[in-house]
Amino acid sequence: MVYNVMKTPTSFKGKSFHTINNAGRVSIPSKFRDVLKTKYGDESLILVTLGSHIAAFPIYEWQKLEKMWEENPPRDAQGKKFLRYLYSTAEDCSIDRQGRVLIPNMLREKTGLNSDCVIVGHMNKIEIWPKSKWEQEFEDIDVENLFDSISEEFPELNL
């Protein structure tokens, strides 16, 4: 059987290690920039803090979230508080000609991003993690146990 491998990237996947410079800029991997150009036609991002890391959403994906929140606003206090926090950390950013994005100081401070970072593709968004927090989060991961639990929850995946 012959498989047709797609030449056009369709989602963000993989990870790479980078360094944030003194001005707060970090290079976005070229394969992620390719997804932004080919799938979204734009290299603009919305950056928000999600606890230990920054999530970078393409404008189109952020607009889909906004539409969902407008049509189904949170009803409980925690949901409203979460959205208020999320929007208070949201920043519009663009990738410069050198393939870098400027991470605002406030976002770097909230997540502890100062120099070494891990840039991770996560389907429709890019995550930027402080390297130490990434390692802490995944150093003791039990992949087999994780696969087993996912297989039970999603048997159609055939993992």
N, C-alpha and C. Protein backbone atom coordinates (compact mmCIF):
# COMPACT_ATOMS: atom_id res chain seq x y z
N MET A 1 0.84 -1.17 0.00
CA MET A 1 0.00 0.00 0.00
C MET A 1 0.89 1.24 0.00
N VAL A 2 0.55 2.23 -0.80
CA VAL A 2 1.31 3.47 -0.91
C VAL A 2 0.53 4.57 -0.20
N TYR A 3 1.22 5.30 0.66
CA TYR A 3 0.60 6.41 1.37
C TYR A 3 1.02 7.72 0.74
N ASN A 4 0.07 8.62 0.61
CA ASN A 4 0.35 9.94 0.09
C ASN A 4 0.70 10.85 1.27
N VAL A 5 1.95 11.19 1.39
CA VAL A 5 2.39 12.05 2.48
C VAL A 5 2.09 13.49 2.10
N MET A 6 1.37 14.18 3.00
CA MET A 6 1.00 15.56 2.71
C MET A 6 2.21 16.47 2.79
N LYS A 7 2.35 17.32 1.80
CA LYS A 7 3.46 18.27 1.78
C LYS A 7 3.11 19.54 2.54
N THR A 8 1.81 19.79 2.71
CA THR A 8 1.37 20.99 3.39
C THR A 8 1.14 20.68 4.86
N PRO A 9 1.81 21.38 5.77
CA PRO A 9 1.60 21.12 7.19
C PRO A 9 0.18 21.50 7.60
N THR A 10 -0.45 20.67 8.42
CA THR A 10 -1.84 20.91 8.79
C THR A 10 -2.04 21.25 10.25
N SER A 11 -1.03 20.99 11.08
CA SER A 11 -1.16 21.31 12.50
C SER A 11 0.23 21.51 13.09
N PHE A 12 0.24 22.06 14.29
CA PHE A 12 1.50 22.26 15.01
C PHE A 12 1.83 20.97 15.75
N LYS A 13 3.02 20.42 15.52
CA LYS A 13 3.44 19.22 16.23
C LYS A 13 4.96 19.21 16.37
N GLY A 14 5.42 18.51 17.39
CA GLY A 14 6.85 18.44 17.64
C GLY A 14 7.27 19.45 18.71
N LYS A 15 8.56 19.42 19.03
CA LYS A 15 9.09 20.38 20.01
C LYS A 15 10.52 20.72 19.64
N SER A 16 10.95 21.88 20.09
CA SER A 16 12.33 22.29 19.89
C SER A 16 12.75 23.19 21.04
N PHE A 17 14.05 23.24 21.25
CA PHE A 17 14.61 24.00 22.37
C PHE A 17 15.19 25.31 21.84
N HIS A 18 14.90 26.40 22.54
CA HIS A 18 15.34 27.72 22.11
C HIS A 18 15.78 28.54 23.31
N THR A 19 16.35 29.69 23.01
CA THR A 19 16.75 30.65 24.03
C THR A 19 16.07 31.97 23.76
N ILE A 20 15.53 32.56 24.80
CA ILE A 20 14.92 33.89 24.69
C ILE A 20 16.05 34.90 24.86
N ASN A 21 16.14 35.86 23.93
CA ASN A 21 17.23 36.84 24.04
C ASN A 21 16.90 37.91 25.09
N ASN A 22 17.84 38.81 25.34
CA ASN A 22 17.66 39.83 26.37
C ASN A 22 16.49 40.76 26.11
N ALA A 23 16.12 40.92 24.85
CA ALA A 23 14.99 41.78 24.51
C ALA A 23 13.65 41.05 24.65
N GLY A 24 13.69 39.74 24.93
CA GLY A 24 12.45 38.98 25.09
C GLY A 24 11.97 38.31 23.81
N ARG A 25 12.84 38.24 22.81
CA ARG A 25 12.46 37.61 21.54
C ARG A 25 12.92 36.15 21.52
N VAL A 26 12.10 35.32 20.86
CA VAL A 26 12.45 33.92 20.69
C VAL A 26 12.08 33.51 19.27
N SER A 27 12.91 32.66 18.69
CA SER A 27 12.66 32.16 17.33
C SER A 27 11.56 31.11 17.35
N ILE A 28 10.62 31.27 16.45
CA ILE A 28 9.57 30.27 16.27
C ILE A 28 10.07 29.28 15.23
N PRO A 29 10.01 27.98 15.51
CA PRO A 29 10.52 27.00 14.54
C PRO A 29 9.91 27.20 13.15
N SER A 30 10.73 27.00 12.13
CA SER A 30 10.27 27.22 10.75
C SER A 30 9.08 26.35 10.40
N LYS A 31 9.02 25.12 10.92
CA LYS A 31 7.87 24.26 10.59
C LYS A 31 6.58 24.84 11.17
N PHE A 32 6.65 25.55 12.29
CA PHE A 32 5.46 26.20 12.84
C PHE A 32 5.10 27.43 12.02
N ARG A 33 6.12 28.17 11.57
CA ARG A 33 5.84 29.33 10.71
C ARG A 33 5.22 28.88 9.40
N ASP A 34 5.65 27.72 8.89
CA ASP A 34 5.05 27.17 7.67
C ASP A 34 3.57 26.88 7.86
N VAL A 35 3.20 26.33 9.01
CA VAL A 35 1.78 26.07 9.29
C VAL A 35 1.02 27.40 9.32
N LEU A 36 1.59 28.40 9.98
CA LEU A 36 0.92 29.71 10.05
C LEU A 36 0.69 30.28 8.65
N LYS A 37 1.68 30.17 7.79
CA LYS A 37 1.56 30.72 6.44
C LYS A 37 0.60 29.92 5.57
N THR A 38 0.77 28.59 5.56
CA THR A 38 -0.01 27.78 4.62
C THR A 38 -1.44 27.53 5.09
N LYS A 39 -1.63 27.29 6.37
CA LYS A 39 -2.98 26.98 6.85
C LYS A 39 -3.77 28.23 7.20
N TYR A 40 -3.08 29.23 7.77
CA TYR A 40 -3.79 30.41 8.27
C TYR A 40 -3.56 31.66 7.41
N GLY A 41 -2.54 31.65 6.56
CA GLY A 41 -2.27 32.80 5.70
C GLY A 41 -1.80 34.03 6.44
N ASP A 42 -1.36 33.86 7.68
CA ASP A 42 -1.00 35.00 8.51
C ASP A 42 -0.06 34.51 9.61
N GLU A 43 0.91 35.34 9.97
CA GLU A 43 1.83 34.97 11.04
C GLU A 43 1.54 35.72 12.34
N SER A 44 0.32 36.23 12.48
CA SER A 44 -0.06 36.92 13.71
C SER A 44 -0.54 35.90 14.74
N LEU A 45 -0.24 36.19 15.99
CA LEU A 45 -0.59 35.30 17.08
C LEU A 45 -1.21 36.08 18.23
N ILE A 46 -2.01 35.39 19.03
CA ILE A 46 -2.46 35.91 20.31
C ILE A 46 -1.76 35.07 21.36
N LEU A 47 -0.99 35.74 22.24
CA LEU A 47 -0.29 35.05 23.32
C LEU A 47 -1.07 35.22 24.61
N VAL A 48 -1.26 34.13 25.35
CA VAL A 48 -1.91 34.17 26.67
C VAL A 48 -1.14 33.26 27.61
N THR A 49 -1.24 33.53 28.91
CA THR A 49 -0.60 32.63 29.87
C THR A 49 -1.61 31.58 30.31
N LEU A 50 -1.14 30.36 30.36
CA LEU A 50 -1.95 29.25 30.86
C LEU A 50 -1.17 28.58 31.99
N GLY A 51 -1.04 29.30 33.09
CA GLY A 51 -0.32 28.76 34.23
C GLY A 51 1.17 28.74 34.01
N SER A 52 1.70 27.56 33.76
CA SER A 52 3.15 27.40 33.68
C SER A 52 3.73 27.69 32.31
N HIS A 53 2.89 28.00 31.34
CA HIS A 53 3.40 28.23 29.98
C HIS A 53 2.57 29.28 29.26
N ILE A 54 3.05 29.65 28.08
CA ILE A 54 2.34 30.59 27.22
C ILE A 54 1.74 29.80 26.07
N ALA A 55 0.50 30.10 25.74
CA ALA A 55 -0.14 29.51 24.56
C ALA A 55 -0.19 30.60 23.49
N ALA A 56 0.22 30.24 22.28
CA ALA A 56 0.21 31.17 21.15
C ALA A 56 -0.80 30.64 20.13
N PHE A 57 -1.90 31.37 19.99
CA PHE A 57 -2.97 30.97 19.09
C PHE A 57 -2.90 31.76 17.79
N PRO A 58 -3.02 31.09 16.64
CA PRO A 58 -3.23 31.84 15.40
C PRO A 58 -4.52 32.65 15.55
N ILE A 59 -4.59 33.80 14.91
CA ILE A 59 -5.76 34.68 15.04
C ILE A 59 -7.05 33.92 14.76
N TYR A 60 -7.08 33.12 13.71
CA TYR A 60 -8.28 32.38 13.34
C TYR A 60 -8.74 31.47 14.48
N GLU A 61 -7.81 30.77 15.11
CA GLU A 61 -8.17 29.86 16.21
C GLU A 61 -8.67 30.64 17.42
N TRP A 62 -8.05 31.79 17.69
CA TRP A 62 -8.50 32.64 18.80
C TRP A 62 -9.91 33.15 18.53
N GLN A 63 -10.18 33.55 17.29
CA GLN A 63 -11.52 34.03 16.95
C GLN A 63 -12.57 32.93 17.11
N LYS A 64 -12.21 31.69 16.81
CA LYS A 64 -13.14 30.58 17.03
C LYS A 64 -13.46 30.43 18.52
N LEU A 65 -12.44 30.57 19.37
CA LEU A 65 -12.67 30.51 20.81
C LEU A 65 -13.57 31.66 21.27
N GLU A 66 -13.29 32.86 20.77
CA GLU A 66 -14.10 34.01 21.16
C GLU A 66 -15.56 33.82 20.76
N LYS A 67 -15.79 33.31 19.57
CA LYS A 67 -17.16 33.05 19.10
C LYS A 67 -17.86 32.05 20.02
N MET A 68 -17.13 31.00 20.40
CA MET A 68 -17.69 30.00 21.30
C MET A 68 -18.05 30.63 22.65
N TRP A 69 -17.14 31.48 23.18
CA TRP A 69 -17.40 32.12 24.47
C TRP A 69 -18.55 33.12 24.38
N GLU A 70 -18.68 33.80 23.24
CA GLU A 70 -19.79 34.74 23.07
C GLU A 70 -21.12 34.01 23.01
N GLU A 71 -21.15 32.88 22.29
CA GLU A 71 -22.38 32.12 22.14
C GLU A 71 -22.72 31.30 23.39
N ASN A 72 -21.72 30.88 24.12
CA ASN A 72 -21.90 30.07 25.33
C ASN A 72 -21.05 30.63 26.46
N PRO A 73 -21.40 31.82 26.96
CA PRO A 73 -20.56 32.41 28.01
C PRO A 73 -20.60 31.56 29.28
N PRO A 74 -19.52 31.60 30.03
CA PRO A 74 -19.52 30.83 31.28
C PRO A 74 -20.60 31.37 32.22
N ARG A 75 -21.22 30.45 32.92
CA ARG A 75 -22.31 30.85 33.82
C ARG A 75 -21.85 30.91 35.28
N ASP A 76 -20.80 30.17 35.58
CA ASP A 76 -20.36 30.15 36.97
C ASP A 76 -19.23 31.15 37.19
N ALA A 77 -18.99 31.47 38.45
CA ALA A 77 -17.99 32.47 38.81
C ALA A 77 -16.58 32.06 38.37
N GLN A 78 -16.26 30.78 38.47
CA GLN A 78 -14.92 30.31 38.09
C GLN A 78 -14.68 30.49 36.60
N GLY A 79 -15.66 30.17 35.78
CA GLY A 79 -15.53 30.33 34.34
C GLY A 79 -15.36 31.79 33.96
N LYS A 80 -16.14 32.66 34.59
CA LYS A 80 -16.03 34.10 34.32
C LYS A 80 -14.66 34.63 34.77
N LYS A 81 -14.21 34.14 35.90
CA LYS A 81 -12.89 34.55 36.41
C LYS A 81 -11.78 34.10 35.47
N PHE A 82 -11.90 32.86 34.97
CA PHE A 82 -10.90 32.33 34.04
C PHE A 82 -10.82 33.20 32.79
N LEU A 83 -11.97 33.51 32.19
CA LEU A 83 -11.96 34.33 30.97
C LEU A 83 -11.41 35.72 31.25
N ARG A 84 -11.76 36.29 32.38
CA ARG A 84 -11.23 37.61 32.73
C ARG A 84 -9.71 37.56 32.84
N TYR A 85 -9.20 36.52 33.49
CA TYR A 85 -7.75 36.35 33.61
C TYR A 85 -7.12 36.15 32.24
N LEU A 86 -7.71 35.27 31.44
CA LEU A 86 -7.16 34.97 30.13
C LEU A 86 -7.06 36.23 29.28
N TYR A 87 -8.14 37.01 29.23
CA TYR A 87 -8.13 38.23 28.43
C TYR A 87 -7.18 39.28 29.01
N SER A 88 -6.99 39.27 30.32
CA SER A 88 -6.07 40.26 30.91
C SER A 88 -4.62 39.96 30.55
N THR A 89 -4.32 38.71 30.17
CA THR A 89 -2.95 38.37 29.79
C THR A 89 -2.76 38.31 28.27
N ALA A 90 -3.84 38.44 27.51
CA ALA A 90 -3.76 38.29 26.05
C ALA A 90 -3.00 39.45 25.41
N GLU A 91 -2.11 39.10 24.49
CA GLU A 91 -1.31 40.08 23.76
C GLU A 91 -1.27 39.71 22.28
N ASP A 92 -1.47 40.70 21.41
CA ASP A 92 -1.31 40.51 19.97
C ASP A 92 0.18 40.54 19.65
N CYS A 93 0.63 39.58 18.87
CA CYS A 93 2.04 39.51 18.48
C CYS A 93 2.16 39.09 17.03
N SER A 94 3.24 39.51 16.41
CA SER A 94 3.55 39.09 15.04
C SER A 94 4.97 38.56 15.00
N ILE A 95 5.21 37.69 14.05
CA ILE A 95 6.55 37.15 13.87
C ILE A 95 7.33 38.10 12.96
N ASP A 96 8.54 38.47 13.38
CA ASP A 96 9.33 39.42 12.59
C ASP A 96 10.04 38.71 11.43
N ARG A 97 10.80 39.47 10.65
CA ARG A 97 11.47 38.92 9.46
C ARG A 97 12.51 37.86 9.79
N GLN A 98 13.00 37.87 11.02
CA GLN A 98 13.97 36.85 11.44
C GLN A 98 13.29 35.61 12.03
N GLY A 99 11.95 35.58 11.99
CA GLY A 99 11.22 34.43 12.50
C GLY A 99 11.04 34.42 14.01
N ARG A 100 11.16 35.62 14.62
CA ARG A 100 11.07 35.72 16.07
C ARG A 100 9.77 36.39 16.49
N VAL A 101 9.35 36.08 17.71
CA VAL A 101 8.22 36.76 18.31
C VAL A 101 8.71 37.40 19.60
N LEU A 102 8.22 38.60 19.87
CA LEU A 102 8.55 39.30 21.11
C LEU A 102 7.54 38.89 22.16
N ILE A 103 8.03 38.27 23.22
CA ILE A 103 7.14 37.88 24.32
C ILE A 103 7.14 39.02 25.33
N PRO A 104 6.00 39.66 25.54
CA PRO A 104 5.95 40.78 26.48
C PRO A 104 6.45 40.39 27.87
N ASN A 105 7.06 41.34 28.53
CA ASN A 105 7.66 41.12 29.85
C ASN A 105 6.65 40.54 30.84
N MET A 106 5.43 41.05 30.84
CA MET A 106 4.41 40.58 31.77
C MET A 106 4.17 39.08 31.61
N LEU A 107 4.14 38.59 30.37
CA LEU A 107 3.92 37.16 30.13
C LEU A 107 5.15 36.35 30.56
N ARG A 108 6.33 36.89 30.32
CA ARG A 108 7.55 36.19 30.75
C ARG A 108 7.60 36.07 32.27
N GLU A 109 7.21 37.15 32.94
CA GLU A 109 7.23 37.14 34.41
C GLU A 109 6.22 36.15 34.97
N LYS A 110 5.01 36.13 34.42
CA LYS A 110 3.96 35.24 34.93
C LYS A 110 4.32 33.77 34.79
N THR A 111 5.07 33.43 33.75
CA THR A 111 5.40 32.02 33.50
C THR A 111 6.82 31.64 33.92
N GLY A 112 7.63 32.63 34.28
CA GLY A 112 9.02 32.34 34.64
C GLY A 112 9.91 32.10 33.44
N LEU A 113 9.50 32.57 32.27
CA LEU A 113 10.33 32.44 31.06
C LEU A 113 11.44 33.47 31.13
N ASN A 114 12.70 33.02 31.15
CA ASN A 114 13.78 33.99 31.17
C ASN A 114 14.86 33.70 30.15
N SER A 115 15.18 32.46 29.90
CA SER A 115 16.20 32.20 28.87
C SER A 115 15.89 30.93 28.10
N ASP A 116 16.15 29.77 28.67
CA ASP A 116 15.93 28.52 27.95
C ASP A 116 14.45 28.15 27.95
N CYS A 117 13.96 27.80 26.78
CA CYS A 117 12.55 27.44 26.66
C CYS A 117 12.36 26.28 25.70
N VAL A 118 11.19 25.68 25.78
CA VAL A 118 10.79 24.60 24.88
C VAL A 118 9.56 25.10 24.13
N ILE A 119 9.61 25.02 22.81
CA ILE A 119 8.48 25.42 21.99
C ILE A 119 7.84 24.15 21.46
N VAL A 120 6.56 23.98 21.78
CA VAL A 120 5.85 22.73 21.54
C VAL A 120 4.65 22.98 20.63
N GLY A 121 4.48 22.12 19.64
CA GLY A 121 3.28 22.16 18.83
C GLY A 121 2.19 21.37 19.50
N HIS A 122 1.00 21.95 19.58
CA HIS A 122 -0.13 21.27 20.23
C HIS A 122 -1.39 21.50 19.40
N MET A 123 -1.49 20.74 18.33
CA MET A 123 -2.61 20.77 17.39
C MET A 123 -2.80 22.15 16.77
N ASN A 124 -3.70 22.97 17.33
CA ASN A 124 -4.02 24.26 16.72
C ASN A 124 -3.36 25.44 17.43
N LYS A 125 -2.40 25.15 18.30
CA LYS A 125 -1.71 26.24 18.99
C LYS A 125 -0.26 25.85 19.24
N ILE A 126 0.52 26.85 19.59
CA ILE A 126 1.93 26.66 19.94
C ILE A 126 2.06 26.96 21.42
N GLU A 127 2.82 26.14 22.13
CA GLU A 127 3.07 26.39 23.55
C GLU A 127 4.54 26.75 23.74
N ILE A 128 4.78 27.71 24.62
CA ILE A 128 6.14 28.13 24.95
C ILE A 128 6.32 27.93 26.45
N TRP A 129 7.17 26.98 26.80
CA TRP A 129 7.39 26.58 28.19
C TRP A 129 8.79 26.98 28.66
N PRO A 130 8.93 27.41 29.91
CA PRO A 130 10.27 27.48 30.48
C PRO A 130 10.83 26.06 30.48
N LYS A 131 12.07 25.89 30.08
CA LYS A 131 12.64 24.55 29.97
C LYS A 131 12.55 23.79 31.29
N SER A 132 12.81 24.46 32.40
CA SER A 132 12.78 23.78 33.70
C SER A 132 11.37 23.27 34.03
N LYS A 133 10.34 24.05 33.70
CA LYS A 133 8.97 23.61 33.98
C LYS A 133 8.56 22.47 33.05
N TRP A 134 9.00 22.52 31.79
CA TRP A 134 8.71 21.42 30.86
C TRP A 134 9.32 20.12 31.39
N GLU A 135 10.58 20.19 31.80
CA GLU A 135 11.25 18.99 32.31
C GLU A 135 10.58 18.48 33.58
N GLN A 136 10.19 19.39 34.45
CA GLN A 136 9.52 19.01 35.69
C GLN A 136 8.17 18.35 35.39
N GLU A 137 7.44 18.89 34.44
CA GLU A 137 6.12 18.36 34.08
C GLU A 137 6.20 16.95 33.50
N PHE A 138 7.26 16.68 32.74
CA PHE A 138 7.32 15.42 32.00
C PHE A 138 8.46 14.49 32.38
N GLU A 139 9.23 14.82 33.44
CA GLU A 139 10.38 13.98 33.78
C GLU A 139 9.98 12.58 34.25
N ASP A 140 8.90 12.47 34.97
CA ASP A 140 8.49 11.17 35.52
C ASP A 140 7.27 10.60 34.81
N ILE A 141 7.07 10.98 33.59
CA ILE A 141 5.88 10.53 32.87
C ILE A 141 5.95 9.03 32.60
N ASP A 142 4.86 8.36 32.90
CA ASP A 142 4.74 6.92 32.65
C ASP A 142 3.94 6.76 31.35
N VAL A 143 4.64 6.69 30.24
CA VAL A 143 4.00 6.69 28.93
C VAL A 143 3.06 5.50 28.76
N GLU A 144 3.47 4.33 29.21
CA GLU A 144 2.61 3.15 29.06
C GLU A 144 1.30 3.33 29.81
N ASN A 145 1.38 3.82 31.03
CA ASN A 145 0.18 4.06 31.83
C ASN A 145 -0.71 5.11 31.16
N LEU A 146 -0.07 6.14 30.63
CA LEU A 146 -0.80 7.19 29.93
C LEU A 146 -1.53 6.63 28.71
N PHE A 147 -0.82 5.82 27.91
CA PHE A 147 -1.44 5.19 26.74
C PHE A 147 -2.61 4.30 27.16
N ASP A 148 -2.44 3.55 28.24
CA ASP A 148 -3.52 2.67 28.70
C ASP A 148 -4.76 3.47 29.06
N SER A 149 -4.57 4.58 29.79
CA SER A 149 -5.73 5.38 30.20
C SER A 149 -6.39 6.05 29.00
N ILE A 150 -5.60 6.51 28.05
CA ILE A 150 -6.16 7.12 26.84
C ILE A 150 -6.89 6.07 26.01
N SER A 151 -6.32 4.87 25.93
CA SER A 151 -6.94 3.80 25.16
C SER A 151 -8.30 3.43 25.73
N GLU A 152 -8.43 3.47 27.04
CA GLU A 152 -9.72 3.18 27.67
C GLU A 152 -10.73 4.28 27.38
N GLU A 153 -10.27 5.52 27.41
CA GLU A 153 -11.17 6.65 27.18
C GLU A 153 -11.55 6.79 25.72
N PHE A 154 -10.60 6.49 24.82
CA PHE A 154 -10.83 6.62 23.38
C PHE A 154 -10.46 5.33 22.66
N PRO A 155 -11.27 4.29 22.80
CA PRO A 155 -10.91 3.00 22.20
C PRO A 155 -10.79 3.04 20.68
N GLU A 156 -11.46 3.99 20.05
CA GLU A 156 -11.40 4.09 18.59
C GLU A 156 -10.03 4.50 18.07
N LEU A 157 -9.15 4.97 18.94
CA LEU A 157 -7.81 5.37 18.52
C LEU A 157 -6.89 4.18 18.26
N ASN A 158 -7.24 3.02 18.82
CA ASN A 158 -6.42 1.81 18.66
C ASN A 158 -4.96 2.02 19.06
N LEU A 159 -4.73 2.62 20.20
CA LEU A 159 -3.36 2.86 20.66
C LEU A 159 -2.75 1.62 21.26
